[in-house]
Amino acid sequence: MQIILSYIILIIIWSTTPLAIQWSTVDTNFSFGVTSRMLIGILVCFLILFLIKQKLIWTKQAIKAYACAAIGIFGAMTMVYWASQYIPSGLIAVIFGLTPLFTAIFEHFYLSKKALSTFKMIGILVAFVGLVVIFYSDLDLYESAVKGIIGVTISTMLHAISAVLTKKYQGSVHSFTITTGGLLFSMPFFIAVWFVVDGSLPNSISTQATLSILYLAVIATGIGFNLYFYALHKTDASTLALITLVTPVTALLLGLYLNQETVGLSVITGTALIMLGLFINQQGERFFAINSNTT
C-alpha cells in the first residue's frame, strides 16, 4: 500500500514539475531557479532526516550511492532547467516519457539484465521515431526548440543512468539518506553553474516565481526526491520509470489549460508514437500472448 501511495504522489508531483520549473524561472535565470530550489530543498531534507532520526553515513557504499544520485539530481535537473527556456512544459514531460526506454537499455548494460527482447527493441524504435517527429517538426518552426529537445533528452538519459547506478549501490542505505547525500554532493556544482552563468541575485521576483520555487523545493525536492529513492529501493528502476507513462499526458493538459501552451499535430503524433512505443516495450509480450491464447 505504501509503494502504491508513493507512485500516486510521484505521478502528481512529476506532472506538475515541468510547469512549475517554467514558472520559477520567469523573472530569473535558470541557474538561479534550480540553485535556489536545491538550497531550500536540502534544508527540508535535513529536517526530514532529523524528524525520522536518520543520519548521513559515510561508508564506501553510501558515498557511491550519493555520487550516483547526484548524477540525476545535478545533471538531469540542470539540463531540464536550461531546456525549459526553449520548449513548453508539456513537451518536457513528453520527452521525459522516454525514461523507461533509457532505463531498460542502461539496466541491460550495467546490471547485466537479460538481453532485450524483440518487443522491447520494437518499442524503443517506435518511441524514438516519435521523438524524431517532434524534433523535426519543431526544427522547422524555430531553431531554439532544438536546444530544448536535446537538453531534455540528455536530462532523461542522465536521470535513467542515475537511477540504475543508484539502485546498484544503494544496498541497505536508507533512501532518505541517499536523497540528502545526493543533494549535498550536488550543491557545489549547482552553485558553480549559477556563478558562471549569472552569479547575481535578481532585483525582484514575482509571487508566481517565488511560490513555484518553494513548491519545487519543498514538495518536488523534499517530498518527491525522498519518495522517488524510497520507491527505487523497493522496486526495480525500470518499474519505477513506468510513472512517466502517465505524466506526459497530464503535463500536456496542465500546460495547455494553465499556461496557454499550444499543442500542434506533430506533438500529438509524436506523443502518441512515444506512448505506443512504451506500451510495446513494457506490455508487448504479455498483450500479444493473451491475444494469441484467445484465438
Protein backbone atom coordinates (compact mmCIF):
# COMPACT_ATOMS: atom_id res chain seq x y z
CA MET A 1 0.00 0.00 0.00
CA GLN A 2 2.87 2.39 0.84
CA ILE A 3 4.55 1.86 -2.52
CA ILE A 4 1.26 2.41 -4.38
CA LEU A 5 0.68 5.65 -2.48
CA SER A 6 4.25 6.72 -3.32
CA TYR A 7 3.55 6.09 -7.00
CA ILE A 8 0.36 8.17 -6.92
CA ILE A 9 2.09 11.10 -5.19
CA LEU A 10 5.03 10.90 -7.60
CA ILE A 11 2.68 10.99 -10.60
CA ILE A 12 1.07 14.16 -9.24
CA ILE A 13 4.43 15.79 -8.49
CA TRP A 14 6.05 14.80 -11.80
CA SER A 15 3.00 16.01 -13.72
CA THR A 16 3.24 19.48 -12.17
CA THR A 17 7.02 19.84 -12.02
CA PRO A 18 7.69 20.87 -15.68
CA LEU A 19 5.19 23.74 -15.47
CA ALA A 20 6.47 24.80 -12.05
CA ILE A 21 10.02 24.86 -13.43
CA GLN A 22 9.00 27.25 -16.19
CA TRP A 23 7.10 29.48 -13.79
CA SER A 24 10.03 29.53 -11.35
CA THR A 25 12.36 30.99 -13.98
CA VAL A 26 10.05 33.67 -15.42
CA ASP A 27 11.82 36.53 -13.62
CA THR A 28 15.18 34.85 -13.04
CA ASN A 29 17.98 33.00 -14.77
CA PHE A 30 17.52 29.22 -14.99
CA SER A 31 20.64 28.69 -12.85
CA PHE A 32 19.24 30.80 -10.01
CA GLY A 33 15.93 28.93 -10.22
CA VAL A 34 17.47 25.47 -9.87
CA THR A 35 20.12 26.52 -7.32
CA SER A 36 17.66 28.29 -5.02
CA ARG A 37 15.33 25.30 -5.24
CA MET A 38 18.06 22.87 -4.24
CA LEU A 39 19.38 25.07 -1.42
CA ILE A 40 15.94 25.21 0.16
CA GLY A 41 15.32 21.57 -0.70
CA ILE A 42 18.43 20.32 1.07
CA LEU A 43 17.37 22.17 4.24
CA VAL A 44 13.99 20.43 4.03
CA CYS A 45 15.71 17.08 3.58
CA PHE A 46 17.96 17.62 6.61
CA LEU A 47 14.85 18.49 8.62
CA ILE A 48 13.17 15.27 7.46
CA LEU A 49 16.25 13.26 8.46
CA PHE A 50 16.16 14.91 11.89
CA LEU A 51 12.48 14.10 12.32
CA ILE A 52 12.86 10.44 11.36
CA LYS A 53 16.11 10.18 13.38
CA GLN A 54 18.36 9.27 10.47
CA LYS A 55 21.92 10.45 9.93
CA LEU A 56 24.18 10.67 6.91
CA ILE A 57 26.61 7.77 6.82
CA TRP A 58 29.97 7.81 5.08
CA THR A 59 30.72 4.21 4.19
CA LYS A 60 32.17 3.49 0.76
CA GLN A 61 28.85 2.08 -0.38
CA ALA A 62 26.93 5.14 0.83
CA ILE A 63 29.36 7.54 -0.85
CA LYS A 64 28.97 5.67 -4.15
CA ALA A 65 25.18 5.84 -3.79
CA TYR A 66 25.33 9.60 -3.07
CA ALA A 67 27.53 10.17 -6.12
CA CYS A 68 25.21 8.13 -8.35
CA ALA A 69 22.16 10.02 -7.05
CA ALA A 70 23.96 13.30 -7.73
CA ILE A 71 24.22 12.40 -11.42
CA GLY A 72 20.45 12.64 -11.67
CA ILE A 73 19.97 15.47 -9.18
CA PHE A 74 22.59 17.80 -10.64
CA GLY A 75 22.96 16.59 -14.21
CA ALA A 76 19.33 15.90 -15.06
CA MET A 77 17.92 18.91 -13.17
CA THR A 78 20.42 21.40 -14.60
CA MET A 79 19.75 20.24 -18.15
CA VAL A 80 15.96 20.29 -17.80
CA TYR A 81 16.02 23.79 -16.25
CA TRP A 82 18.22 25.02 -19.09
CA ALA A 83 15.97 23.34 -21.68
CA SER A 84 12.82 24.86 -20.16
CA GLN A 85 13.85 28.21 -21.66
CA TYR A 86 13.23 26.87 -25.16
CA ILE A 87 10.29 24.44 -25.13
CA PRO A 88 6.84 24.19 -23.44
CA SER A 89 6.42 22.31 -20.17
CA GLY A 90 4.19 19.68 -21.79
CA LEU A 91 6.86 18.78 -24.31
CA ILE A 92 9.40 18.42 -21.49
CA ALA A 93 7.18 15.77 -19.90
CA VAL A 94 6.65 14.02 -23.24
CA ILE A 95 10.38 13.62 -23.83
CA PHE A 96 10.85 12.55 -20.21
CA GLY A 97 8.41 9.79 -21.08
CA LEU A 98 11.35 8.07 -22.76
CA THR A 99 12.78 7.34 -19.29
CA PRO A 100 11.64 3.66 -19.21
CA LEU A 101 13.36 3.02 -22.53
CA PHE A 102 16.67 4.55 -21.48
CA THR A 103 16.37 2.77 -18.13
CA ALA A 104 15.86 -0.61 -19.82
CA ILE A 105 18.92 -0.03 -22.01
CA PHE A 106 21.15 1.03 -19.10
CA GLU A 107 19.88 -1.83 -16.91
CA HIS A 108 20.83 -4.24 -19.67
CA PHE A 109 24.41 -2.98 -19.80
CA TYR A 110 25.11 -2.00 -16.17
CA LEU A 111 23.06 -4.51 -14.18
CA SER A 112 23.66 -7.46 -16.52
CA LYS A 113 19.97 -7.84 -17.23
CA LYS A 114 18.88 -10.38 -19.81
CA ALA A 115 19.03 -9.42 -23.46
CA LEU A 116 16.40 -7.00 -24.71
CA SER A 117 13.54 -8.91 -26.32
CA THR A 118 12.16 -8.25 -29.78
CA PHE A 119 9.15 -6.39 -28.38
CA LYS A 120 11.35 -4.20 -26.21
CA MET A 121 13.54 -3.33 -29.19
CA ILE A 122 10.48 -2.55 -31.34
CA GLY A 123 9.09 -0.37 -28.56
CA ILE A 124 12.33 1.55 -28.29
CA LEU A 125 12.39 2.09 -32.05
CA VAL A 126 8.77 3.29 -32.21
CA ALA A 127 9.28 5.69 -29.30
CA PHE A 128 12.39 7.18 -30.86
CA VAL A 129 10.51 7.67 -34.12
CA GLY A 130 8.03 9.71 -32.08
CA LEU A 131 10.88 11.80 -30.68
CA VAL A 132 12.22 12.36 -34.21
CA VAL A 133 8.76 13.50 -35.37
CA ILE A 134 8.66 16.09 -32.59
CA PHE A 135 12.28 17.09 -33.17
CA TYR A 136 11.98 17.75 -36.90
CA SER A 137 8.63 19.49 -36.68
CA ASP A 138 9.99 21.94 -34.12
CA LEU A 139 13.16 22.32 -36.18
CA ASP A 140 11.01 23.76 -38.97
CA LEU A 141 9.23 26.12 -36.56
CA TYR A 142 12.08 27.57 -34.54
CA GLU A 143 15.67 26.50 -34.09
CA SER A 144 15.74 27.29 -30.37
CA ALA A 145 13.37 24.36 -29.78
CA VAL A 146 16.14 22.02 -30.92
CA LYS A 147 18.23 23.12 -27.94
CA GLY A 148 15.38 22.36 -25.59
CA ILE A 149 14.66 18.93 -27.09
CA ILE A 150 18.32 17.93 -26.99
CA GLY A 151 18.64 19.27 -23.44
CA VAL A 152 15.66 17.30 -22.11
CA THR A 153 16.79 14.17 -23.94
CA ILE A 154 20.19 14.41 -22.23
CA SER A 155 18.42 15.09 -18.94
CA THR A 156 16.30 11.97 -19.40
CA MET A 157 19.36 9.84 -20.11
CA LEU A 158 21.16 11.17 -17.02
CA HIS A 159 18.06 10.55 -14.90
CA ALA A 160 17.84 6.95 -16.15
CA ILE A 161 21.51 6.11 -15.67
CA SER A 162 21.44 7.72 -12.22
CA ALA A 163 18.51 5.50 -11.21
CA VAL A 164 20.22 2.36 -12.47
CA LEU A 165 23.55 3.10 -10.76
CA THR A 166 21.91 4.24 -7.51
CA LYS A 167 19.91 1.02 -7.44
CA LYS A 168 23.14 -0.91 -7.92
CA TYR A 169 24.95 0.73 -4.99
CA GLN A 170 22.07 1.59 -2.64
CA GLY A 171 22.08 -1.66 -0.71
CA SER A 172 20.88 -1.09 2.85
CA VAL A 173 21.48 2.69 2.82
CA HIS A 174 18.26 4.47 3.83
CA SER A 175 16.52 6.05 0.83
CA PHE A 176 16.02 9.43 2.57
CA THR A 177 19.73 9.46 3.44
CA ILE A 178 20.57 8.97 -0.24
CA THR A 179 18.38 11.95 -1.17
CA THR A 180 20.17 14.24 1.28
CA GLY A 181 23.60 12.85 0.43
CA GLY A 182 22.93 13.24 -3.29
CA LEU A 183 21.83 16.84 -2.78
CA LEU A 184 24.89 17.52 -0.63
CA PHE A 185 27.18 16.17 -3.34
CA SER A 186 25.32 18.21 -5.97
CA MET A 187 25.26 21.60 -4.24
CA PRO A 188 28.84 22.72 -5.11
CA PHE A 189 28.10 22.06 -8.79
CA PHE A 190 24.77 23.93 -8.70
CA ILE A 191 26.47 26.93 -7.07
CA ALA A 192 29.34 26.79 -9.57
CA VAL A 193 26.93 26.77 -12.54
CA TRP A 194 24.96 29.69 -11.06
CA PHE A 195 28.19 31.64 -10.52
CA VAL A 196 29.43 31.01 -14.09
CA VAL A 197 26.10 31.61 -15.84
CA ASP A 198 24.91 34.62 -13.85
CA GLY A 199 26.31 34.95 -10.33
CA SER A 200 23.90 37.67 -9.24
CA LEU A 201 20.66 37.81 -7.32
CA PRO A 202 17.54 39.02 -9.17
CA ASN A 203 16.33 42.52 -8.33
CA SER A 204 12.78 41.27 -7.87
CA ILE A 205 10.88 38.00 -8.11
CA SER A 206 7.18 37.72 -8.83
CA THR A 207 4.83 35.94 -6.49
CA GLN A 208 4.31 33.24 -9.11
CA ALA A 209 8.05 32.56 -9.40
CA THR A 210 8.54 32.62 -5.61
CA LEU A 211 5.71 30.18 -4.97
CA SER A 212 6.95 27.92 -7.78
CA ILE A 213 10.47 27.80 -6.29
CA LEU A 214 9.02 27.00 -2.87
CA TYR A 215 6.76 24.30 -4.33
CA LEU A 216 9.67 22.73 -6.18
CA ALA A 217 11.93 22.94 -3.12
CA VAL A 218 9.51 21.63 -0.50
CA ILE A 219 7.20 19.34 -2.47
CA ALA A 220 9.12 18.25 -5.57
CA THR A 221 12.52 18.01 -3.83
CA GLY A 222 11.83 17.48 -0.14
CA ILE A 223 8.96 15.06 -0.66
CA GLY A 224 9.29 13.98 -4.30
CA PHE A 225 13.00 13.11 -4.24
CA ASN A 226 12.65 11.18 -0.98
CA LEU A 227 9.65 9.23 -2.27
CA TYR A 228 11.50 8.55 -5.52
CA PHE A 229 14.52 7.00 -3.80
CA TYR A 230 12.21 5.14 -1.40
CA ALA A 231 10.31 3.63 -4.34
CA LEU A 232 13.61 2.90 -6.12
CA HIS A 233 14.73 0.95 -3.05
CA LYS A 234 11.52 -1.10 -3.05
CA THR A 235 11.29 -1.90 -6.77
CA ASP A 236 13.30 -2.08 -10.00
CA ALA A 237 14.42 1.11 -11.73
CA SER A 238 12.57 0.10 -14.90
CA THR A 239 9.33 -0.47 -12.98
CA LEU A 240 9.57 2.90 -11.26
CA ALA A 241 10.25 4.56 -14.61
CA LEU A 242 6.77 3.48 -15.77
CA ILE A 243 5.39 6.51 -13.92
CA THR A 244 6.42 8.50 -16.98
CA LEU A 245 3.78 6.60 -18.97
CA VAL A 246 1.17 8.77 -17.25
CA THR A 247 2.87 12.12 -16.69
CA PRO A 248 3.27 13.23 -20.35
CA VAL A 249 -0.49 13.34 -20.88
CA THR A 250 -1.26 15.08 -17.58
CA ALA A 251 1.58 17.57 -18.04
CA LEU A 252 0.44 18.41 -21.57
CA LEU A 253 -3.07 19.12 -20.29
CA LEU A 254 -1.75 21.28 -17.45
CA GLY A 255 0.43 23.27 -19.85
CA LEU A 256 -2.49 23.68 -22.23
CA TYR A 257 -5.00 24.94 -19.65
CA LEU A 258 -2.79 26.70 -17.09
CA ASN A 259 -0.05 28.14 -19.30
CA GLN A 260 -1.85 28.52 -22.65
CA GLU A 261 0.72 26.33 -24.38
CA THR A 262 -0.01 25.25 -27.94
CA VAL A 263 -0.07 21.58 -28.85
CA GLY A 264 0.41 21.04 -32.58
CA LEU A 265 -0.41 17.98 -34.66
CA SER A 266 3.24 16.92 -34.77
CA VAL A 267 3.49 16.98 -30.97
CA ILE A 268 0.29 14.94 -30.67
CA THR A 269 1.58 12.46 -33.28
CA GLY A 270 4.99 12.23 -31.66
CA THR A 271 3.44 11.80 -28.21
CA ALA A 272 1.17 9.02 -29.50
CA LEU A 273 4.16 7.22 -31.01
CA ILE A 274 6.15 7.54 -27.78
CA MET A 275 3.22 6.20 -25.75
CA LEU A 276 2.76 3.33 -28.25
CA GLY A 277 6.46 2.54 -28.07
CA LEU A 278 6.36 2.49 -24.28
CA PHE A 279 3.34 0.19 -24.34
CA ILE A 280 5.01 -2.24 -26.76
CA ASN A 281 8.22 -2.11 -24.74
CA GLN A 282 6.56 -2.85 -21.41
CA GLN A 283 3.45 -4.85 -22.29
CA GLY A 284 4.01 -6.14 -25.83
CA GLU A 285 4.90 -9.72 -24.93
CA ARG A 286 2.03 -10.08 -22.44
CA PHE A 287 -0.51 -8.38 -24.74
CA PHE A 288 0.25 -10.50 -27.79
CA ALA A 289 0.46 -13.66 -25.69
CA ILE A 290 -3.04 -13.01 -24.34
CA ASN A 291 -4.40 -12.35 -27.81
CA SER A 292 -2.76 -15.45 -29.26
CA ASN A 293 -4.30 -17.55 -26.48
CA THR A 294 -7.80 -16.25 -27.21
CA THR A 295 -7.66 -17.04 -30.94
